[in-house]
């Protein structure tokens, strides 16, 4: 069984899109479950994360397996041109908060 979780940022980002891109992003996220989407494992300081490509948008997520359930945890979404830089900054700030 596969479950999807979306952070408030991802939900807000999707809501801000025009109808056609909104529909495409939602469909892309659902396609992660059956491995029929454009997904890539990230490298370097983003190792452990994956990205979904839908048009000019990227959704960063992590797959978690818990109690026989596959959880697709979508944590950040934005335009391709800025998504990685902003996500790195969010991770860095989160690590600073945890110390």
PDB file of N, CA and C in Angstrom:
ATOM      1  N   UNK A   1       0.835  -1.170   0.000  1.00  0.00           N
ATOM      2  CA  UNK A   1       0.000   0.000   0.000  1.00  0.00           C
ATOM      3  C   UNK A   1       0.891   1.249   0.000  1.00  0.00           C
ATOM      4  N   UNK A   2       0.488   2.256  -0.729  1.00  0.00           N
ATOM      5  CA  UNK A   2       1.232   3.512  -0.805  1.00  0.00           C
ATOM      6  C   UNK A   2       0.374   4.649  -0.280  1.00  0.00           C
ATOM      7  N   UNK A   3       0.978   5.453   0.587  1.00  0.00           N
ATOM      8  CA  UNK A   3       0.318   6.655   1.096  1.00  0.00           C
ATOM      9  C   UNK A   3       1.137   7.866   0.670  1.00  0.00           C
ATOM     10  N   UNK A   4       0.464   8.984   0.520  1.00  0.00           N
ATOM     11  CA  UNK A   4       1.125  10.230   0.149  1.00  0.00           C
ATOM     12  C   UNK A   4       0.959  11.238   1.269  1.00  0.00           C
ATOM     13  N   UNK A   5       2.052  11.918   1.585  1.00  0.00           N
ATOM     14  CA  UNK A   5       1.998  13.037   2.523  1.00  0.00           C
ATOM     15  C   UNK A   5       2.572  14.254   1.816  1.00  0.00           C
ATOM     16  N   UNK A   6       1.947  15.385   2.018  1.00  0.00           N
ATOM     17  CA  UNK A   6       2.437  16.628   1.434  1.00  0.00           C
ATOM     18  C   UNK A   6       2.582  17.657   2.539  1.00  0.00           C
ATOM     19  N   UNK A   7       3.723  18.321   2.540  1.00  0.00           N
ATOM     20  CA  UNK A   7       3.930  19.387   3.516  1.00  0.00           C
ATOM     21  C   UNK A   7       2.996  20.550   3.190  1.00  0.00           C
ATOM     22  N   UNK A   8       2.756  21.420   4.148  1.00  0.00           N
ATOM     23  CA  UNK A   8       1.942  22.614   3.853  1.00  0.00           C
ATOM     24  C   UNK A   8       2.528  23.446   2.709  1.00  0.00           C
ATOM     25  N   UNK A   9       3.861  23.483   2.605  1.00  0.00           N
ATOM     26  CA  UNK A   9       4.481  24.245   1.517  1.00  0.00           C
ATOM     27  C   UNK A   9       4.100  23.656   0.171  1.00  0.00           C
ATOM     28  N   UNK A  10       4.149  22.326   0.047  1.00  0.00           N
ATOM     29  CA  UNK A  10       3.792  21.672  -1.216  1.00  0.00           C
ATOM     30  C   UNK A  10       2.323  21.930  -1.536  1.00  0.00           C
ATOM     31  N   UNK A  11       1.457  21.785  -0.562  1.00  0.00           N
ATOM     32  CA  UNK A  11       0.029  22.038  -0.792  1.00  0.00           C
ATOM     33  C   UNK A  11      -0.208  23.474  -1.249  1.00  0.00           C
ATOM     34  N   UNK A  12       0.441  24.419  -0.585  1.00  0.00           N
ATOM     35  CA  UNK A  12       0.279  25.830  -0.952  1.00  0.00           C
ATOM     36  C   UNK A  12       0.821  26.091  -2.355  1.00  0.00           C
ATOM     37  N   UNK A  13       1.973  25.509  -2.670  1.00  0.00           N
ATOM     38  CA  UNK A  13       2.560  25.698  -3.995  1.00  0.00           C
ATOM     39  C   UNK A  13       1.622  25.172  -5.083  1.00  0.00           C
ATOM     40  N   UNK A  14       1.095  23.980  -4.893  1.00  0.00           N
ATOM     41  CA  UNK A  14       0.187  23.398  -5.886  1.00  0.00           C
ATOM     42  C   UNK A  14      -1.050  24.275  -6.044  1.00  0.00           C
ATOM     43  N   UNK A  15      -1.593  24.751  -4.943  1.00  0.00           N
ATOM     44  CA  UNK A  15      -2.779  25.614  -5.012  1.00  0.00           C
ATOM     45  C   UNK A  15      -2.507  26.910  -5.769  1.00  0.00           C
ATOM     46  N   UNK A  16      -1.256  27.376  -5.746  1.00  0.00           N
ATOM     47  CA  UNK A  16      -0.920  28.641  -6.400  1.00  0.00           C
ATOM     48  C   UNK A  16      -0.774  28.515  -7.916  1.00  0.00           C
ATOM     49  N   UNK A  17      -0.741  27.291  -8.422  1.00  0.00           N
ATOM     50  CA  UNK A  17      -0.537  27.074  -9.854  1.00  0.00           C
ATOM     51  C   UNK A  17      -1.826  27.291 -10.641  1.00  0.00           C
ATOM     52  N   UNK A  18      -1.640  27.582 -11.924  1.00  0.00           N
ATOM     53  CA  UNK A  18      -2.776  27.664 -12.844  1.00  0.00           C
ATOM     54  C   UNK A  18      -3.390  26.265 -12.977  1.00  0.00           C
ATOM     55  N   UNK A  19      -4.623  26.166 -13.451  1.00  0.00           N
ATOM     56  CA  UNK A  19      -5.309  24.861 -13.487  1.00  0.00           C
ATOM     57  C   UNK A  19      -4.551  23.744 -14.212  1.00  0.00           C
ATOM     58  N   UNK A  20      -4.002  23.997 -15.392  1.00  0.00           N
ATOM     59  CA  UNK A  20      -3.325  22.919 -16.125  1.00  0.00           C
ATOM     60  C   UNK A  20      -2.065  22.424 -15.418  1.00  0.00           C
ATOM     61  N   UNK A  21      -1.145  23.313 -14.997  1.00  0.00           N
ATOM     62  CA  UNK A  21       0.014  22.818 -14.249  1.00  0.00           C
ATOM     63  C   UNK A  21      -0.369  22.150 -12.932  1.00  0.00           C
ATOM     64  N   UNK A  22      -1.389  22.667 -12.273  1.00  0.00           N
ATOM     65  CA  UNK A  22      -1.857  22.080 -11.015  1.00  0.00           C
ATOM     66  C   UNK A  22      -2.271  20.624 -11.239  1.00  0.00           C
ATOM     67  N   UNK A  23      -3.030  20.407 -12.299  1.00  0.00           N
ATOM     68  CA  UNK A  23      -3.489  19.058 -12.638  1.00  0.00           C
ATOM     69  C   UNK A  23      -2.296  18.150 -12.957  1.00  0.00           C
ATOM     70  N   UNK A  24      -1.321  18.684 -13.704  1.00  0.00           N
ATOM     71  CA  UNK A  24      -0.144  17.902 -14.087  1.00  0.00           C
ATOM     72  C   UNK A  24       0.692  17.524 -12.865  1.00  0.00           C
ATOM     73  N   UNK A  25       0.889  18.461 -11.948  1.00  0.00           N
ATOM     74  CA  UNK A  25       1.682  18.176 -10.750  1.00  0.00           C
ATOM     75  C   UNK A  25       0.980  17.132  -9.883  1.00  0.00           C
ATOM     76  N   UNK A  26      -0.302  17.272  -9.688  1.00  0.00           N
ATOM     77  CA  UNK A  26      -1.045  16.279  -8.893  1.00  0.00           C
ATOM     78  C   UNK A  26      -0.965  14.888  -9.530  1.00  0.00           C
ATOM     79  N   UNK A  27      -1.113  14.830 -10.845  1.00  0.00           N
ATOM     80  CA  UNK A  27      -1.025  13.542 -11.544  1.00  0.00           C
ATOM     81  C   UNK A  27       0.382  12.968 -11.427  1.00  0.00           C
ATOM     82  N   UNK A  28       1.401  13.821 -11.541  1.00  0.00           N
ATOM     83  CA  UNK A  28       2.785  13.368 -11.422  1.00  0.00           C
ATOM     84  C   UNK A  28       3.069  12.761 -10.062  1.00  0.00           C
ATOM     85  N   UNK A  29       2.574  13.395  -9.022  1.00  0.00           N
ATOM     86  CA  UNK A  29       2.781  12.869  -7.666  1.00  0.00           C
ATOM     87  C   UNK A  29       2.129  11.497  -7.527  1.00  0.00           C
ATOM     88  N   UNK A  30       0.933  11.336  -8.053  1.00  0.00           N
ATOM     89  CA  UNK A  30       0.257  10.034  -7.977  1.00  0.00           C
ATOM     90  C   UNK A  30       1.009   8.963  -8.761  1.00  0.00           C
ATOM     91  N   UNK A  31       1.667   9.365  -9.851  1.00  0.00           N
ATOM     92  CA  UNK A  31       2.398   8.401 -10.682  1.00  0.00           C
ATOM     93  C   UNK A  31       3.670   7.888 -10.015  1.00  0.00           C
ATOM     94  N   UNK A  32       4.131   8.559  -8.969  1.00  0.00           N
ATOM     95  CA  UNK A  32       5.309   8.061  -8.248  1.00  0.00           C
ATOM     96  C   UNK A  32       5.035   6.649  -7.741  1.00  0.00           C
ATOM     97  N   UNK A  33       3.817   6.384  -7.320  1.00  0.00           N
ATOM     98  CA  UNK A  33       3.457   5.094  -6.723  1.00  0.00           C
ATOM     99  C   UNK A  33       3.726   3.923  -7.653  1.00  0.00           C
ATOM    100  N   UNK A  34       3.488   4.096  -8.947  1.00  0.00           N
ATOM    101  CA  UNK A  34       3.703   2.981  -9.880  1.00  0.00           C
ATOM    102  C   UNK A  34       4.931   3.190 -10.751  1.00  0.00           C
ATOM    103  N   UNK A  35       5.862   4.000 -10.272  1.00  0.00           N
ATOM    104  CA  UNK A  35       7.162   4.188 -10.925  1.00  0.00           C
ATOM    105  C   UNK A  35       7.047   4.630 -12.377  1.00  0.00           C
ATOM    106  N   UNK A  36       6.003   5.378 -12.710  1.00  0.00           N
ATOM    107  CA  UNK A  36       5.833   5.816 -14.098  1.00  0.00           C
ATOM    108  C   UNK A  36       6.019   7.328 -14.239  1.00  0.00           C
ATOM    109  N   UNK A  37       6.825   7.906 -13.360  1.00  0.00           N
ATOM    110  CA  UNK A  37       7.056   9.347 -13.426  1.00  0.00           C
ATOM    111  C   UNK A  37       8.552   9.616 -13.561  1.00  0.00           C
ATOM    112  N   UNK A  38       8.895  10.852 -13.849  1.00  0.00           N
ATOM    113  CA  UNK A  38      10.289  11.250 -14.031  1.00  0.00           C
ATOM    114  C   UNK A  38      10.901  11.557 -12.668  1.00  0.00           C
ATOM    115  N   UNK A  39      11.465  10.520 -12.052  1.00  0.00           N
ATOM    116  CA  UNK A  39      12.038  10.624 -10.714  1.00  0.00           C
ATOM    117  C   UNK A  39      13.539  10.400 -10.808  1.00  0.00           C
ATOM    118  N   UNK A  40      14.277  11.155 -10.021  1.00  0.00           N
ATOM    119  CA  UNK A  40      15.728  11.026 -10.006  1.00  0.00           C
ATOM    120  C   UNK A  40      16.206  11.122  -8.559  1.00  0.00           C
ATOM    121  N   UNK A  41      17.177  10.267  -8.202  1.00  0.00           N
ATOM    122  CA  UNK A  41      17.800  10.356  -6.880  1.00  0.00           C
ATOM    123  C   UNK A  41      18.759  11.532  -6.891  1.00  0.00           C
ATOM    124  N   UNK A  42      18.702  12.347  -5.855  1.00  0.00           N
ATOM    125  CA  UNK A  42      19.578  13.508  -5.772  1.00  0.00           C
ATOM    126  C   UNK A  42      20.921  13.097  -5.182  1.00  0.00           C
ATOM    127  N   UNK A  43      21.935  13.896  -5.447  1.00  0.00           N
ATOM    128  CA  UNK A  43      23.304  13.571  -5.040  1.00  0.00           C
ATOM    129  C   UNK A  43      23.892  14.692  -4.195  1.00  0.00           C
ATOM    130  N   UNK A  44      25.110  14.461  -3.733  1.00  0.00           N
ATOM    131  CA  UNK A  44      25.819  15.478  -2.965  1.00  0.00           C
ATOM    132  C   UNK A  44      25.151  15.724  -1.628  1.00  0.00           C
ATOM    133  N   UNK A  45      24.978  17.001  -1.296  1.00  0.00           N
ATOM    134  CA  UNK A  45      24.384  17.339  -0.003  1.00  0.00           C
ATOM    135  C   UNK A  45      22.889  17.049   0.055  1.00  0.00           C
ATOM    136  N   UNK A  46      22.309  16.603  -1.055  1.00  0.00           N
ATOM    137  CA  UNK A  46      20.886  16.235  -1.079  1.00  0.00           C
ATOM    138  C   UNK A  46      20.687  14.721  -1.202  1.00  0.00           C
ATOM    139  N   UNK A  47      21.754  13.958  -0.955  1.00  0.00           N
ATOM    140  CA  UNK A  47      21.661  12.502  -0.988  1.00  0.00           C
ATOM    141  C   UNK A  47      20.582  12.042  -0.009  1.00  0.00           C
ATOM    142  N   UNK A  48      19.808  11.068  -0.440  1.00  0.00           N
ATOM    143  CA  UNK A  48      18.715  10.552   0.384  1.00  0.00           C
ATOM    144  C   UNK A  48      17.367  11.104  -0.041  1.00  0.00           C
ATOM    145  N   UNK A  49      17.401  12.156  -0.836  1.00  0.00           N
ATOM    146  CA  UNK A  49      16.177  12.771  -1.345  1.00  0.00           C
ATOM    147  C   UNK A  49      16.019  12.416  -2.806  1.00  0.00           C
ATOM    148  N   UNK A  50      14.793  12.498  -3.295  1.00  0.00           N
ATOM    149  CA  UNK A  50      14.501  12.288  -4.711  1.00  0.00           C
ATOM    150  C   UNK A  50      13.726  13.488  -5.221  1.00  0.00           C
ATOM    151  N   UNK A  51      13.747  13.650  -6.531  1.00  0.00           N
ATOM    152  CA  UNK A  51      12.961  14.734  -7.109  1.00  0.00           C
ATOM    153  C   UNK A  51      12.067  14.186  -8.199  1.00  0.00           C
ATOM    154  N   UNK A  52      10.899  14.780  -8.273  1.00  0.00           N
ATOM    155  CA  UNK A  52       9.943  14.490  -9.334  1.00  0.00           C
ATOM    156  C   UNK A  52       9.947  15.682 -10.270  1.00  0.00           C
ATOM    157  N   UNK A  53      10.076  15.416 -11.561  1.00  0.00           N
ATOM    158  CA  UNK A  53      10.027  16.498 -12.543  1.00  0.00           C
ATOM    159  C   UNK A  53       8.663  16.480 -13.219  1.00  0.00           C
ATOM    160  N   UNK A  54       7.990  17.620 -13.181  1.00  0.00           N
ATOM    161  CA  UNK A  54       6.726  17.809 -13.889  1.00  0.00           C
ATOM    162  C   UNK A  54       6.807  19.176 -14.551  1.00  0.00           C
ATOM    163  N   UNK A  55       6.903  19.173 -15.866  1.00  0.00           N
ATOM    164  CA  UNK A  55       7.055  20.415 -16.626  1.00  0.00           C
ATOM    165  C   UNK A  55       8.244  21.199 -16.071  1.00  0.00           C
ATOM    166  N   UNK A  56       8.055  22.456 -15.699  1.00  0.00           N
ATOM    167  CA  UNK A  56       9.149  23.273 -15.149  1.00  0.00           C
ATOM    168  C   UNK A  56       9.178  23.266 -13.627  1.00  0.00           C
ATOM    169  N   UNK A  57       8.528  22.293 -13.025  1.00  0.00           N
ATOM    170  CA  UNK A  57       8.428  22.233 -11.572  1.00  0.00           C
ATOM    171  C   UNK A  57       9.154  21.002 -11.049  1.00  0.00           C
ATOM    172  N   UNK A  58       9.628  21.109  -9.813  1.00  0.00           N
ATOM    173  CA  UNK A  58      10.276  19.988  -9.152  1.00  0.00           C
ATOM    174  C   UNK A  58       9.651  19.820  -7.775  1.00  0.00           C
ATOM    175  N   UNK A  59       9.407  18.574  -7.423  1.00  0.00           N
ATOM    176  CA  UNK A  59       8.885  18.233  -6.110  1.00  0.00           C
ATOM    177  C   UNK A  59       9.936  17.346  -5.452  1.00  0.00           C
ATOM    178  N   UNK A  60      10.407  17.754  -4.297  1.00  0.00           N
ATOM    179  CA  UNK A  60      11.415  16.982  -3.580  1.00  0.00           C
ATOM    180  C   UNK A  60      10.696  16.126  -2.541  1.00  0.00           C
ATOM    181  N   UNK A  61      11.057  14.844  -2.538  1.00  0.00           N
ATOM    182  CA  UNK A  61      10.374  13.908  -1.643  1.00  0.00           C
ATOM    183  C   UNK A  61      11.326  12.835  -1.156  1.00  0.00           C
ATOM    184  N   UNK A  62      10.853  12.096  -0.176  1.00  0.00           N
ATOM    185  CA  UNK A  62      11.587  10.967   0.370  1.00  0.00           C
ATOM    186  C   UNK A  62      10.612   9.805   0.460  1.00  0.00           C
ATOM    187  N   UNK A  63      11.093   8.624   0.111  1.00  0.00           N
ATOM    188  CA  UNK A  63      10.288   7.410   0.250  1.00  0.00           C
ATOM    189  C   UNK A  63      10.599   6.782   1.593  1.00  0.00           C
ATOM    190  N   UNK A  64       9.559   6.482   2.336  1.00  0.00           N
ATOM    191  CA  UNK A  64       9.720   5.866   3.650  1.00  0.00           C
ATOM    192  C   UNK A  64       8.904   4.574   3.655  1.00  0.00           C
ATOM    193  N   UNK A  65       9.491   3.512   4.191  1.00  0.00           N
ATOM    194  CA  UNK A  65       8.771   2.243   4.329  1.00  0.00           C
ATOM    195  C   UNK A  65       8.575   1.984   5.815  1.00  0.00           C
ATOM    196  N   UNK A  66       7.299   1.910   6.226  1.00  0.00           N
ATOM    197  CA  UNK A  66       6.989   1.745   7.640  1.00  0.00           C
ATOM    198  C   UNK A  66       5.806   0.796   7.793  1.00  0.00           C
ATOM    199  N   UNK A  67       6.017  -0.268   8.539  1.00  0.00           N
ATOM    200  CA  UNK A  67       4.952  -1.234   8.836  1.00  0.00           C
ATOM    201  C   UNK A  67       4.264  -1.736   7.567  1.00  0.00           C
ATOM    202  N   UNK A  68       5.050  -2.043   6.545  1.00  0.00           N
ATOM    203  CA  UNK A  68       4.500  -2.567   5.305  1.00  0.00           C
ATOM    204  C   UNK A  68       3.846  -1.535   4.412  1.00  0.00           C
ATOM    205  N   UNK A  69       3.948  -0.274   4.779  1.00  0.00           N
ATOM    206  CA  UNK A  69       3.350   0.795   3.983  1.00  0.00           C
ATOM    207  C   UNK A  69       4.453   1.652   3.377  1.00  0.00           C
ATOM    208  N   UNK A  70       4.315   1.935   2.123  1.00  0.00           N
ATOM    209  CA  UNK A  70       5.239   2.840   1.429  1.00  0.00           C
ATOM    210  C   UNK A  70       4.659   4.250   1.534  1.00  0.00           C
ATOM    211  N   UNK A  71       5.442   5.163   2.093  1.00  0.00           N
ATOM    212  CA  UNK A  71       4.992   6.543   2.261  1.00  0.00           C
ATOM    213  C   UNK A  71       5.824   7.440   1.357  1.00  0.00           C
ATOM    214  N   UNK A  72       5.160   8.185   0.499  1.00  0.00           N
ATOM    215  CA  UNK A  72       5.811   9.180  -0.347  1.00  0.00           C
ATOM    216  C   UNK A  72       5.624  10.513   0.369  1.00  0.00           C
ATOM    217  N   UNK A  73       6.707  11.019   0.936  1.00  0.00           N
ATOM    218  CA  UNK A  73       6.655  12.229   1.753  1.00  0.00           C
ATOM    219  C   UNK A  73       7.174  13.414   0.935  1.00  0.00           C
ATOM    220  N   UNK A  74       6.258  14.154   0.328  1.00  0.00           N
ATOM    221  CA  UNK A  74       6.605  15.315  -0.500  1.00  0.00           C
ATOM    222  C   UNK A  74       6.806  16.509   0.425  1.00  0.00           C
ATOM    223  N   UNK A  75       8.032  17.033   0.454  1.00  0.00           N
ATOM    224  CA  UNK A  75       8.346  18.064   1.441  1.00  0.00           C
ATOM    225  C   UNK A  75       8.550  19.455   0.859  1.00  0.00           C
ATOM    226  N   UNK A  76       8.912  19.552  -0.433  1.00  0.00           N
ATOM    227  CA  UNK A  76       9.183  20.876  -0.993  1.00  0.00           C
ATOM    228  C   UNK A  76       8.908  20.867  -2.489  1.00  0.00           C
ATOM    229  N   UNK A  77       8.340  21.957  -2.985  1.00  0.00           N
ATOM    230  CA  UNK A  77       8.049  22.098  -4.416  1.00  0.00           C
ATOM    231  C   UNK A  77       8.298  23.540  -4.833  1.00  0.00           C
ATOM    232  N   UNK A  78       8.825  23.693  -6.049  1.00  0.00           N
ATOM    233  CA  UNK A  78       9.044  25.030  -6.587  1.00  0.00           C
ATOM    234  C   UNK A  78       9.428  24.907  -8.056  1.00  0.00           C
ATOM    235  N   UNK A  79       9.710  26.038  -8.665  1.00  0.00           N
ATOM    236  CA  UNK A  79      10.159  26.052 -10.056  1.00  0.00           C
ATOM    237  C   UNK A  79      11.570  25.480 -10.146  1.00  0.00           C
ATOM    238  N   UNK A  80      11.855  24.856 -11.264  1.00  0.00           N
ATOM    239  CA  UNK A  80      13.144  24.207 -11.467  1.00  0.00           C
ATOM    240  C   UNK A  80      14.318  25.143 -11.210  1.00  0.00           C
ATOM    241  N   UNK A  81      14.194  26.382 -11.622  1.00  0.00           N
ATOM    242  CA  UNK A  81      15.315  27.320 -11.552  1.00  0.00           C
ATOM    243  C   UNK A  81      15.774  27.628 -10.128  1.00  0.00           C
ATOM    244  N   UNK A  82      14.912  27.426  -9.134  1.00  0.00           N
ATOM    245  CA  UNK A  82      15.283  27.810  -7.767  1.00  0.00           C
ATOM    246  C   UNK A  82      15.090  26.719  -6.723  1.00  0.00           C
ATOM    247  N   UNK A  83      14.510  25.609  -7.090  1.00  0.00           N
ATOM    248  CA  UNK A  83      14.091  24.617  -6.095  1.00  0.00           C
ATOM    249  C   UNK A  83      15.253  24.059  -5.277  1.00  0.00           C
ATOM    250  N   UNK A  84      16.368  23.717  -5.916  1.00  0.00           N
ATOM    251  CA  UNK A  84      17.452  23.062  -5.188  1.00  0.00           C
ATOM    252  C   UNK A  84      18.151  24.030  -4.236  1.00  0.00           C
ATOM    253  N   UNK A  85      18.400  25.237  -4.701  1.00  0.00           N
ATOM    254  CA  UNK A  85      19.055  26.243  -3.866  1.00  0.00           C
ATOM    255  C   UNK A  85      18.214  26.542  -2.619  1.00  0.00           C
ATOM    256  N   UNK A  86      16.922  26.749  -2.813  1.00  0.00           N
ATOM    257  CA  UNK A  86      16.049  27.054  -1.673  1.00  0.00           C
ATOM    258  C   UNK A  86      15.910  25.862  -0.732  1.00  0.00           C
ATOM    259  N   UNK A  87      15.828  24.646  -1.281  1.00  0.00           N
ATOM    260  CA  UNK A  87      15.696  23.463  -0.433  1.00  0.00           C
ATOM    261  C   UNK A  87      16.966  23.245   0.388  1.00  0.00           C
ATOM    262  N   UNK A  88      18.138  23.439  -0.234  1.00  0.00           N
ATOM    263  CA  UNK A  88      19.391  23.333   0.521  1.00  0.00           C
ATOM    264  C   UNK A  88      19.395  24.309   1.700  1.00  0.00           C
ATOM    265  N   UNK A  89      18.949  25.522   1.440  1.00  0.00           N
ATOM    266  CA  UNK A  89      18.908  26.542   2.491  1.00  0.00           C
ATOM    267  C   UNK A  89      17.950  26.127   3.612  1.00  0.00           C
ATOM    268  N   UNK A  90      16.807  25.573   3.258  1.00  0.00           N
ATOM    269  CA  UNK A  90      15.864  25.094   4.276  1.00  0.00           C
ATOM    270  C   UNK A  90      16.464  23.968   5.114  1.00  0.00           C
ATOM    271  N   UNK A  91      17.155  23.036   4.452  1.00  0.00           N
ATOM    272  CA  UNK A  91      17.796  21.948   5.191  1.00  0.00           C
ATOM    273  C   UNK A  91      18.861  22.493   6.131  1.00  0.00           C
ATOM    274  N   UNK A  92      19.663  23.408   5.638  1.00  0.00           N
ATOM    275  CA  UNK A  92      20.722  24.009   6.449  1.00  0.00           C
ATOM    276  C   UNK A  92      20.122  24.701   7.675  1.00  0.00           C
ATOM    277  N   UNK A  93      19.085  25.480   7.480  1.00  0.00           N
ATOM    278  CA  UNK A  93      18.441  26.175   8.594  1.00  0.00           C
ATOM    279  C   UNK A  93      17.815  25.196   9.578  1.00  0.00           C
ATOM    280  N   UNK A  94      17.248  24.118   9.073  1.00  0.00           N
ATOM    281  CA  UNK A  94      16.648  23.110   9.951  1.00  0.00           C
ATOM    282  C   UNK A  94      17.723  22.452  10.807  1.00  0.00           C
ATOM    283  N   UNK A  95      18.868  22.153  10.203  1.00  0.00           N
ATOM    284  CA  UNK A  95      19.958  21.548  10.964  1.00  0.00           C
ATOM    285  C   UNK A  95      20.445  22.502  12.046  1.00  0.00           C
ATOM    286  N   UNK A  96      20.486  23.782  11.744  1.00  0.00           N
ATOM    287  CA  UNK A  96      20.915  24.759  12.743  1.00  0.00           C
ATOM    288  C   UNK A  96      19.921  24.825  13.898  1.00  0.00           C
ATOM    289  N   UNK A  97      18.635  24.684  13.610  1.00  0.00           N
ATOM    290  CA  UNK A  97      17.610  24.720  14.661  1.00  0.00           C
ATOM    291  C   UNK A  97      17.706  23.505  15.576  1.00  0.00           C
ATOM    292  N   UNK A  98      18.143  22.367  15.016  1.00  0.00           N
ATOM    293  CA  UNK A  98      18.197  21.133  15.802  1.00  0.00           C
ATOM    294  C   UNK A  98      19.362  21.112  16.785  1.00  0.00           C
ATOM    295  N   UNK A  99      20.380  21.934  16.559  1.00  0.00           N
ATOM    296  CA  UNK A  99      21.569  21.924  17.430  1.00  0.00           C
ATOM    297  C   UNK A  99      21.330  22.641  18.727  1.00  0.00           C
TER     298      UNK A  99
END
